[in-house]
Amino acid sequence: MDLTLAGNQAFSLAQLTFNSGAETLLADVIGGADLLVSLTGVQAGFATSLDVIL
């Protein structure tokens, strides 16, 4: 997602990181504030490449 571009967009996998200790998913927004999502009860083995639909 790039706020400097017009139109509908989606995150790329390179913009997502998961912190298993804090159970948070961070999405890096280019040109804007980052998005932090708390994922409560995430099972061991969670992987952004397998468990997140982009």
Protein backbone atom coordinates (compact mmCIF):
# COMPACT_ATOMS: atom_id res chain seq x y z
CA MET A 1 0.00 0.00 0.00
CA ASP A 2 1.37 3.37 -1.03
CA LEU A 3 -0.52 6.51 0.02
CA THR A 4 1.25 8.51 -2.68
CA LEU A 5 -0.63 6.54 -5.39
CA ALA A 6 -4.33 6.95 -6.21
CA GLY A 7 -6.82 4.08 -6.37
CA ASN A 8 -7.47 0.76 -4.62
CA GLN A 9 -4.41 -1.10 -3.36
CA ALA A 10 -3.34 -4.08 -1.30
CA PHE A 11 -0.34 -4.74 0.92
CA SER A 12 2.54 -6.75 -0.48
CA LEU A 13 4.01 -9.56 1.61
CA ALA A 14 7.25 -7.55 1.97
CA GLN A 15 5.27 -4.87 3.88
CA LEU A 16 4.02 -7.30 6.58
CA THR A 17 5.84 -8.47 9.69
CA PHE A 18 4.57 -10.63 12.56
CA ASN A 19 5.81 -10.42 16.15
CA SER A 20 4.96 -13.76 17.74
CA GLY A 21 5.83 -12.60 21.27
CA ALA A 22 3.41 -9.68 21.13
CA GLU A 23 0.99 -11.42 18.72
CA THR A 24 0.94 -8.33 16.48
CA LEU A 25 0.92 -7.94 12.72
CA LEU A 26 2.59 -4.77 11.43
CA ALA A 27 1.84 -3.44 7.95
CA ASP A 28 4.23 -0.82 6.58
CA VAL A 29 2.28 1.89 4.72
CA ILE A 30 4.47 3.84 2.29
CA GLY A 31 3.91 7.57 2.70
CA GLY A 32 1.69 7.21 5.76
CA ALA A 33 1.36 5.83 9.28
CA ASP A 34 1.93 2.13 9.84
CA LEU A 35 -0.94 -0.21 10.69
CA LEU A 36 -0.61 -2.45 13.77
CA VAL A 37 -3.13 -5.26 14.33
CA SER A 38 -3.30 -7.32 17.52
CA LEU A 39 -3.96 -10.99 16.78
CA THR A 40 -5.23 -12.59 19.99
CA GLY A 41 -4.85 -16.35 20.36
CA VAL A 42 -2.62 -16.94 17.33
CA GLN A 43 -1.50 -20.56 17.11
CA ALA A 44 2.16 -21.58 16.94
CA GLY A 45 3.35 -21.79 13.36
CA PHE A 46 1.48 -18.69 12.14
CA ALA A 47 3.19 -17.43 8.98
CA THR A 48 2.30 -14.32 7.00
CA SER A 49 3.14 -16.12 3.75
CA LEU A 50 0.60 -18.88 4.49
CA ASP A 51 -2.01 -17.38 6.81
CA VAL A 52 -2.58 -13.88 5.39
CA ILE A 53 -4.62 -13.35 2.22
CA LEU A 54 -3.31 -10.36 0.28
